[in-house]
N, C-alpha and C. Protein backbone atom coordinates (compact mmCIF):
# COMPACT_ATOMS: atom_id res chain seq x y z
N UNK A 1 0.82 -1.19 0.00
CA UNK A 1 0.00 0.00 0.00
C UNK A 1 0.86 1.25 0.00
N UNK A 2 1.95 1.25 0.82
CA UNK A 2 2.84 2.40 0.88
C UNK A 2 3.45 2.67 -0.49
N UNK A 3 3.85 1.58 -1.16
CA UNK A 3 4.49 1.72 -2.46
C UNK A 3 3.52 2.34 -3.46
N UNK A 4 2.27 1.92 -3.44
CA UNK A 4 1.26 2.46 -4.35
C UNK A 4 1.05 3.96 -4.09
N UNK A 5 0.99 4.36 -2.81
CA UNK A 5 0.82 5.77 -2.45
C UNK A 5 2.01 6.59 -2.92
N UNK A 6 3.22 6.02 -2.77
CA UNK A 6 4.43 6.72 -3.21
C UNK A 6 4.42 6.91 -4.72
N UNK A 7 4.01 5.88 -5.44
CA UNK A 7 3.93 5.98 -6.91
C UNK A 7 2.88 7.00 -7.33
N UNK A 8 1.76 7.03 -6.64
CA UNK A 8 0.71 8.00 -6.96
C UNK A 8 1.20 9.42 -6.68
N UNK A 9 1.91 9.61 -5.57
CA UNK A 9 2.45 10.93 -5.24
C UNK A 9 3.48 11.36 -6.27
N UNK A 10 4.36 10.44 -6.67
CA UNK A 10 5.37 10.75 -7.67
C UNK A 10 4.72 11.10 -9.00
N UNK A 11 3.70 10.36 -9.38
CA UNK A 11 2.97 10.65 -10.62
C UNK A 11 2.34 12.03 -10.57
N UNK A 12 1.76 12.37 -9.42
CA UNK A 12 1.14 13.69 -9.27
C UNK A 12 2.17 14.80 -9.39
N UNK A 13 3.36 14.60 -8.82
CA UNK A 13 4.43 15.60 -8.91
C UNK A 13 4.89 15.76 -10.35
N UNK A 14 5.09 14.65 -11.04
CA UNK A 14 5.51 14.71 -12.45
C UNK A 14 4.46 15.40 -13.29
N UNK A 15 3.19 15.07 -13.08
CA UNK A 15 2.11 15.70 -13.82
C UNK A 15 2.07 17.20 -13.56
N UNK A 16 2.24 17.61 -12.31
CA UNK A 16 2.24 19.03 -11.96
C UNK A 16 3.40 19.75 -12.63
N UNK A 17 4.59 19.12 -12.62
CA UNK A 17 5.76 19.73 -13.24
C UNK A 17 5.56 19.89 -14.75
N UNK A 18 5.01 18.87 -15.38
CA UNK A 18 4.75 18.96 -16.82
C UNK A 18 3.73 20.05 -17.13
N UNK A 19 2.72 20.17 -16.29
CA UNK A 19 1.71 21.21 -16.49
C UNK A 19 2.33 22.59 -16.37
N UNK A 20 3.16 22.80 -15.34
CA UNK A 20 3.81 24.10 -15.17
C UNK A 20 4.71 24.40 -16.36
N UNK A 21 5.49 23.42 -16.82
CA UNK A 21 6.36 23.62 -17.96
C UNK A 21 5.54 23.95 -19.21
N UNK A 22 4.44 23.24 -19.39
CA UNK A 22 3.58 23.48 -20.54
C UNK A 22 2.99 24.88 -20.52
N UNK A 23 2.53 25.33 -19.35
CA UNK A 23 1.96 26.67 -19.24
C UNK A 23 3.03 27.71 -19.52
N UNK A 24 4.24 27.51 -18.98
CA UNK A 24 5.32 28.47 -19.22
C UNK A 24 5.68 28.52 -20.69
N UNK A 25 5.72 27.36 -21.34
CA UNK A 25 6.03 27.33 -22.76
C UNK A 25 4.95 28.02 -23.57
N UNK A 26 3.69 27.75 -23.27
CA UNK A 26 2.63 28.35 -24.06
C UNK A 26 2.58 29.85 -23.84
N UNK A 27 2.93 30.31 -22.63
CA UNK A 27 2.96 31.75 -22.37
C UNK A 27 3.97 32.42 -23.29
N UNK A 28 5.16 31.82 -23.42
CA UNK A 28 6.20 32.40 -24.26
C UNK A 28 5.85 32.33 -25.74
N UNK A 29 5.26 31.22 -26.16
CA UNK A 29 5.00 31.04 -27.58
C UNK A 29 3.79 31.84 -28.07
N UNK A 30 3.01 32.39 -27.16
CA UNK A 30 1.87 33.20 -27.55
C UNK A 30 2.28 34.56 -28.07
N UNK A 31 3.50 35.00 -27.80
CA UNK A 31 3.92 36.34 -28.19
C UNK A 31 4.41 36.38 -29.62
N UNK A 32 4.05 37.44 -30.31
CA UNK A 32 4.50 37.67 -31.67
C UNK A 32 5.15 39.05 -31.74
N UNK A 33 6.07 39.19 -32.67
CA UNK A 33 6.73 40.47 -32.89
C UNK A 33 5.86 41.29 -33.82
N UNK A 34 5.64 42.55 -33.45
CA UNK A 34 4.81 43.44 -34.26
C UNK A 34 5.56 44.73 -34.56
N UNK A 35 5.19 45.35 -35.66
CA UNK A 35 5.85 46.60 -36.07
C UNK A 35 4.83 47.55 -36.66
N UNK A 36 5.27 48.78 -36.84
CA UNK A 36 4.45 49.78 -37.51
C UNK A 36 4.14 49.28 -38.91
N UNK A 37 2.95 49.52 -39.39
CA UNK A 37 2.51 49.00 -40.68
C UNK A 37 3.31 49.56 -41.85
N UNK A 38 3.97 50.69 -41.66
CA UNK A 38 4.76 51.29 -42.74
C UNK A 38 6.12 50.62 -42.94
N UNK A 39 6.50 49.76 -42.00
CA UNK A 39 7.78 49.07 -42.12
C UNK A 39 7.76 48.15 -43.33
N UNK A 40 8.85 48.16 -44.10
CA UNK A 40 8.93 47.30 -45.27
C UNK A 40 9.21 45.87 -44.84
N UNK A 41 8.64 44.92 -45.56
CA UNK A 41 8.88 43.51 -45.30
C UNK A 41 7.97 42.95 -44.21
N UNK A 42 7.96 41.63 -44.14
CA UNK A 42 7.12 40.93 -43.17
C UNK A 42 7.90 39.96 -42.30
N UNK A 43 9.24 40.01 -42.39
CA UNK A 43 10.06 39.11 -41.58
C UNK A 43 11.16 39.91 -40.87
N UNK A 44 11.69 39.29 -39.83
CA UNK A 44 12.85 39.86 -39.14
C UNK A 44 13.71 38.70 -38.67
N UNK A 45 15.01 38.84 -38.83
CA UNK A 45 15.93 37.81 -38.38
C UNK A 45 16.04 37.80 -36.86
N UNK A 46 16.20 36.61 -36.33
CA UNK A 46 16.35 36.47 -34.87
C UNK A 46 17.53 37.30 -34.38
N UNK A 47 18.65 37.28 -35.11
CA UNK A 47 19.84 38.05 -34.70
C UNK A 47 19.56 39.55 -34.74
N UNK A 48 18.83 40.00 -35.76
CA UNK A 48 18.49 41.42 -35.85
C UNK A 48 17.58 41.84 -34.70
N UNK A 49 16.61 41.00 -34.38
CA UNK A 49 15.70 41.30 -33.28
C UNK A 49 16.46 41.38 -31.95
N UNK A 50 17.37 40.45 -31.77
CA UNK A 50 18.19 40.46 -30.56
C UNK A 50 19.03 41.74 -30.52
N UNK A 51 19.62 42.12 -31.63
CA UNK A 51 20.42 43.35 -31.71
C UNK A 51 19.60 44.59 -31.40
N UNK A 52 18.35 44.59 -31.83
CA UNK A 52 17.46 45.73 -31.56
C UNK A 52 17.23 45.86 -30.06
N UNK A 53 16.86 44.76 -29.41
CA UNK A 53 16.55 44.82 -27.98
C UNK A 53 17.80 44.91 -27.10
N UNK A 54 18.96 44.52 -27.61
CA UNK A 54 20.19 44.73 -26.87
C UNK A 54 20.75 46.13 -27.15
N UNK A 55 20.06 46.87 -28.01
CA UNK A 55 20.39 48.26 -28.38
C UNK A 55 21.70 48.35 -29.15
N UNK A 56 22.05 47.27 -29.85
CA UNK A 56 23.22 47.26 -30.72
C UNK A 56 22.85 47.73 -32.12
N UNK A 57 21.61 47.53 -32.52
CA UNK A 57 21.09 47.95 -33.83
C UNK A 57 20.10 49.07 -33.58
N UNK A 58 20.34 50.23 -34.20
CA UNK A 58 19.51 51.40 -33.90
C UNK A 58 18.78 51.96 -35.11
N UNK A 59 19.12 51.48 -36.32
CA UNK A 59 18.47 51.98 -37.53
C UNK A 59 18.04 50.82 -38.42
N UNK A 60 16.91 51.00 -39.09
CA UNK A 60 16.44 50.00 -40.04
C UNK A 60 17.37 50.01 -41.24
N UNK A 61 17.67 48.84 -41.77
CA UNK A 61 18.62 48.68 -42.88
C UNK A 61 18.37 49.55 -44.09
N UNK A 62 17.37 49.23 -44.89
CA UNK A 62 17.15 49.92 -46.17
C UNK A 62 16.66 51.35 -45.99
N UNK A 63 15.72 51.55 -45.10
CA UNK A 63 15.13 52.87 -44.94
C UNK A 63 16.01 53.80 -44.13
N UNK A 64 16.89 53.23 -43.29
CA UNK A 64 17.76 54.05 -42.47
C UNK A 64 17.06 54.77 -41.34
N UNK A 65 15.76 54.54 -41.20
CA UNK A 65 15.01 55.19 -40.13
C UNK A 65 15.38 54.64 -38.77
N UNK A 66 15.12 55.44 -37.76
CA UNK A 66 15.43 55.07 -36.38
C UNK A 66 14.50 53.95 -35.90
N UNK A 67 15.08 52.96 -35.23
CA UNK A 67 14.30 51.87 -34.63
C UNK A 67 13.91 52.28 -33.21
N UNK A 68 12.65 52.09 -32.88
CA UNK A 68 12.16 52.39 -31.55
C UNK A 68 11.58 51.10 -30.95
N UNK A 69 12.39 50.39 -30.16
CA UNK A 69 11.87 49.17 -29.55
C UNK A 69 10.92 49.49 -28.40
N UNK A 70 9.87 48.69 -28.31
CA UNK A 70 8.87 48.86 -27.26
C UNK A 70 8.85 47.59 -26.41
N UNK A 71 8.86 47.79 -25.11
CA UNK A 71 8.87 46.69 -24.15
C UNK A 71 7.50 46.60 -23.49
N UNK A 72 6.92 45.41 -23.49
CA UNK A 72 5.68 45.16 -22.77
C UNK A 72 6.07 44.62 -21.41
N UNK A 73 5.99 45.45 -20.39
CA UNK A 73 6.55 45.11 -19.08
C UNK A 73 5.88 43.89 -18.43
N UNK A 74 4.71 43.52 -18.87
CA UNK A 74 4.03 42.36 -18.28
C UNK A 74 4.42 41.05 -18.96
N UNK A 75 5.19 41.11 -20.03
CA UNK A 75 5.55 39.92 -20.80
C UNK A 75 6.98 39.48 -20.50
N UNK A 76 7.23 39.17 -19.28
CA UNK A 76 8.59 38.86 -18.83
C UNK A 76 9.17 37.61 -19.50
N UNK A 77 8.35 36.63 -19.85
CA UNK A 77 8.83 35.40 -20.47
C UNK A 77 9.32 35.58 -21.89
N UNK A 78 8.94 36.66 -22.54
CA UNK A 78 9.35 36.90 -23.92
C UNK A 78 10.88 36.92 -24.05
N UNK A 79 11.55 37.62 -23.16
CA UNK A 79 13.00 37.74 -23.23
C UNK A 79 13.70 36.41 -22.96
N UNK A 80 13.19 35.65 -22.02
CA UNK A 80 13.79 34.36 -21.72
C UNK A 80 13.68 33.44 -22.93
N UNK A 81 12.54 33.43 -23.56
CA UNK A 81 12.31 32.57 -24.71
C UNK A 81 13.18 32.96 -25.90
N UNK A 82 13.27 34.23 -26.18
CA UNK A 82 13.97 34.67 -27.38
C UNK A 82 15.46 34.87 -27.18
N UNK A 83 15.85 35.40 -26.02
CA UNK A 83 17.24 35.77 -25.80
C UNK A 83 17.97 34.94 -24.76
N UNK A 84 17.23 34.12 -24.00
CA UNK A 84 17.86 33.37 -22.93
C UNK A 84 18.22 34.26 -21.74
N UNK A 85 17.55 35.40 -21.63
CA UNK A 85 17.78 36.34 -20.53
C UNK A 85 16.45 36.60 -19.83
N UNK A 86 16.49 36.70 -18.51
CA UNK A 86 15.28 37.03 -17.78
C UNK A 86 14.97 38.51 -17.95
N UNK A 87 13.78 38.90 -17.57
CA UNK A 87 13.38 40.30 -17.64
C UNK A 87 14.29 41.14 -16.75
N UNK A 88 14.64 40.64 -15.59
CA UNK A 88 15.53 41.36 -14.67
C UNK A 88 16.92 41.53 -15.30
N UNK A 89 17.42 40.49 -15.95
CA UNK A 89 18.71 40.59 -16.62
C UNK A 89 18.67 41.63 -17.74
N UNK A 90 17.57 41.67 -18.47
CA UNK A 90 17.43 42.67 -19.53
C UNK A 90 17.41 44.08 -18.94
N UNK A 91 16.68 44.26 -17.85
CA UNK A 91 16.63 45.57 -17.19
C UNK A 91 18.02 46.00 -16.75
N UNK A 92 18.78 45.09 -16.16
CA UNK A 92 20.14 45.40 -15.71
C UNK A 92 21.03 45.75 -16.90
N UNK A 93 20.89 45.00 -17.99
CA UNK A 93 21.67 45.27 -19.20
C UNK A 93 21.36 46.67 -19.73
N UNK A 94 20.07 46.98 -19.85
CA UNK A 94 19.68 48.30 -20.37
C UNK A 94 20.20 49.43 -19.50
N UNK A 95 20.11 49.26 -18.20
CA UNK A 95 20.60 50.27 -17.28
C UNK A 95 22.10 50.47 -17.46
N UNK A 96 22.83 49.38 -17.58
CA UNK A 96 24.27 49.45 -17.80
C UNK A 96 24.59 50.18 -19.10
N UNK A 97 23.88 49.87 -20.17
CA UNK A 97 24.08 50.53 -21.47
C UNK A 97 23.76 52.02 -21.37
N UNK A 98 22.74 52.34 -20.63
CA UNK A 98 22.35 53.75 -20.45
C UNK A 98 23.45 54.53 -19.72
N UNK A 99 23.99 53.93 -18.66
CA UNK A 99 25.02 54.59 -17.87
C UNK A 99 26.34 54.70 -18.66
N UNK A 100 26.76 53.61 -19.29
CA UNK A 100 28.05 53.58 -19.98
C UNK A 100 28.06 54.37 -21.28
N UNK A 101 26.97 54.22 -22.07
CA UNK A 101 27.00 54.74 -23.43
C UNK A 101 25.86 55.71 -23.76
N UNK A 102 25.08 56.10 -22.79
CA UNK A 102 23.93 56.99 -22.99
C UNK A 102 22.95 56.45 -24.04
N UNK A 103 22.82 55.13 -24.09
CA UNK A 103 21.93 54.48 -25.04
C UNK A 103 20.48 54.67 -24.61
N UNK A 104 19.62 54.96 -25.58
CA UNK A 104 18.19 55.06 -25.28
C UNK A 104 17.64 53.68 -24.97
N UNK A 105 16.89 53.59 -23.91
CA UNK A 105 16.28 52.32 -23.51
C UNK A 105 15.02 52.07 -24.32
N UNK A 106 14.60 50.81 -24.43
CA UNK A 106 13.30 50.56 -25.06
C UNK A 106 12.20 51.31 -24.32
N UNK A 107 11.21 51.74 -25.05
CA UNK A 107 10.04 52.39 -24.46
C UNK A 107 9.25 51.32 -23.73
N UNK A 108 8.95 51.53 -22.47
CA UNK A 108 8.23 50.54 -21.69
C UNK A 108 6.75 50.90 -21.60
N UNK A 109 5.91 49.94 -21.92
CA UNK A 109 4.46 50.10 -21.82
C UNK A 109 3.91 49.00 -20.92
N UNK A 110 2.84 49.32 -20.20
CA UNK A 110 2.29 48.38 -19.22
C UNK A 110 1.19 47.48 -19.73
N UNK A 111 0.66 47.76 -20.93
CA UNK A 111 -0.43 46.92 -21.43
C UNK A 111 -0.41 46.88 -22.95
N UNK A 112 -1.09 45.90 -23.49
CA UNK A 112 -1.11 45.67 -24.94
C UNK A 112 -1.67 46.86 -25.71
N UNK A 113 -2.70 47.48 -25.19
CA UNK A 113 -3.30 48.63 -25.88
C UNK A 113 -2.29 49.76 -26.06
N UNK A 114 -1.51 50.03 -25.03
CA UNK A 114 -0.49 51.08 -25.10
C UNK A 114 0.61 50.73 -26.11
N UNK A 115 0.99 49.46 -26.14
CA UNK A 115 2.00 49.01 -27.11
C UNK A 115 1.49 49.21 -28.53
N UNK A 116 0.28 48.75 -28.79
CA UNK A 116 -0.30 48.88 -30.14
C UNK A 116 -0.38 50.33 -30.58
N UNK A 117 -0.87 51.18 -29.70
CA UNK A 117 -1.05 52.58 -30.06
C UNK A 117 0.29 53.26 -30.31
N UNK A 118 1.28 52.97 -29.47
CA UNK A 118 2.60 53.57 -29.65
C UNK A 118 3.20 53.13 -30.98
N UNK A 119 3.12 51.83 -31.28
CA UNK A 119 3.68 51.32 -32.53
C UNK A 119 2.95 51.91 -33.73
N UNK A 120 1.64 52.01 -33.65
CA UNK A 120 0.86 52.59 -34.75
C UNK A 120 1.23 54.06 -35.00
N UNK A 121 1.57 54.78 -33.94
CA UNK A 121 1.86 56.22 -34.04
C UNK A 121 3.32 56.53 -34.38
N UNK A 122 4.21 55.54 -34.36
CA UNK A 122 5.64 55.79 -34.57
C UNK A 122 6.20 54.86 -35.64
N UNK A 123 6.62 55.46 -36.75
CA UNK A 123 7.04 54.71 -37.92
C UNK A 123 8.10 53.65 -37.66
N UNK A 124 9.09 53.89 -36.83
CA UNK A 124 10.18 52.94 -36.62
C UNK A 124 9.96 51.98 -35.47
N UNK A 125 8.75 51.96 -34.91
CA UNK A 125 8.51 51.18 -33.69
C UNK A 125 8.35 49.68 -33.97
N UNK A 126 8.86 48.90 -33.02
CA UNK A 126 8.75 47.44 -33.05
C UNK A 126 8.53 46.97 -31.62
N UNK A 127 7.74 45.93 -31.45
CA UNK A 127 7.47 45.43 -30.11
C UNK A 127 6.96 44.01 -30.17
N UNK A 128 6.30 43.60 -29.11
CA UNK A 128 5.74 42.25 -29.07
C UNK A 128 4.46 42.27 -28.26
N UNK A 129 3.56 41.40 -28.67
CA UNK A 129 2.23 41.28 -28.05
C UNK A 129 1.83 39.81 -28.05
N UNK A 130 0.83 39.50 -27.24
CA UNK A 130 0.21 38.19 -27.38
C UNK A 130 -0.51 38.20 -28.71
N UNK A 131 -0.51 37.08 -29.38
CA UNK A 131 -1.16 36.98 -30.68
C UNK A 131 -2.61 37.43 -30.61
N UNK A 132 -3.28 37.12 -29.51
CA UNK A 132 -4.69 37.48 -29.34
C UNK A 132 -4.91 38.99 -29.19
N UNK A 133 -3.85 39.76 -28.90
CA UNK A 133 -3.98 41.21 -28.74
C UNK A 133 -3.71 42.00 -30.02
N UNK A 134 -3.24 41.33 -31.06
CA UNK A 134 -2.90 42.02 -32.31
C UNK A 134 -4.17 42.48 -33.01
N UNK A 135 -4.13 43.70 -33.54
CA UNK A 135 -5.23 44.18 -34.37
C UNK A 135 -4.66 44.85 -35.62
N UNK A 136 -5.50 45.48 -36.42
CA UNK A 136 -5.06 46.01 -37.71
C UNK A 136 -4.22 47.29 -37.61
N UNK A 137 -3.91 47.77 -36.42
CA UNK A 137 -3.05 48.95 -36.29
C UNK A 137 -1.58 48.60 -36.43
N UNK A 138 -1.24 47.33 -36.26
CA UNK A 138 0.16 46.88 -36.35
C UNK A 138 0.23 45.66 -37.27
N UNK A 139 1.45 45.32 -37.66
CA UNK A 139 1.60 44.11 -38.47
C UNK A 139 2.53 43.14 -37.78
N UNK A 140 2.25 41.87 -37.96
CA UNK A 140 3.06 40.81 -37.37
C UNK A 140 4.27 40.55 -38.25
N UNK A 141 5.44 40.43 -37.61
CA UNK A 141 6.66 40.07 -38.32
C UNK A 141 7.01 38.63 -37.98
N UNK A 142 7.25 37.85 -38.97
CA UNK A 142 7.67 36.47 -38.77
C UNK A 142 9.16 36.47 -38.45
N UNK A 143 9.55 35.77 -37.38
CA UNK A 143 10.95 35.68 -37.00
C UNK A 143 11.59 34.55 -37.80
N UNK A 144 12.68 34.87 -38.48
CA UNK A 144 13.42 33.88 -39.27
C UNK A 144 14.83 33.77 -38.72
N UNK A 145 15.43 32.59 -38.90
CA UNK A 145 16.81 32.41 -38.41
C UNK A 145 17.75 32.83 -39.45
């Protein structure tokens, strides 16, 4: 009887761990990269996106326009999924870049509506949203390797 209870408890723990992992994965995969509708093209390279959010890339290639990255402060898993950095690590990195090199930080918004409106109003803006929050004010960019 003890052995059966132990097996049931172990199964419950494994099931709970898988559920937590699944929820965390689905949370990250729900996010899509969005940009101002005037931006040329429908794709962005993973390396380019990383460079934008690390503030290493500041201008769009062909158009030469200024890139304005937007951060959705409630989407902390986005950075871990895409860059392998936690939201706190990204904040520390940005602060360091600001102090050392006077780099402009990504614009931080607290909700999807604010992100959409900012991106719609600013030609060089790029950000991320849950797929369910996207509307016709912004366009989705497919991430390519």
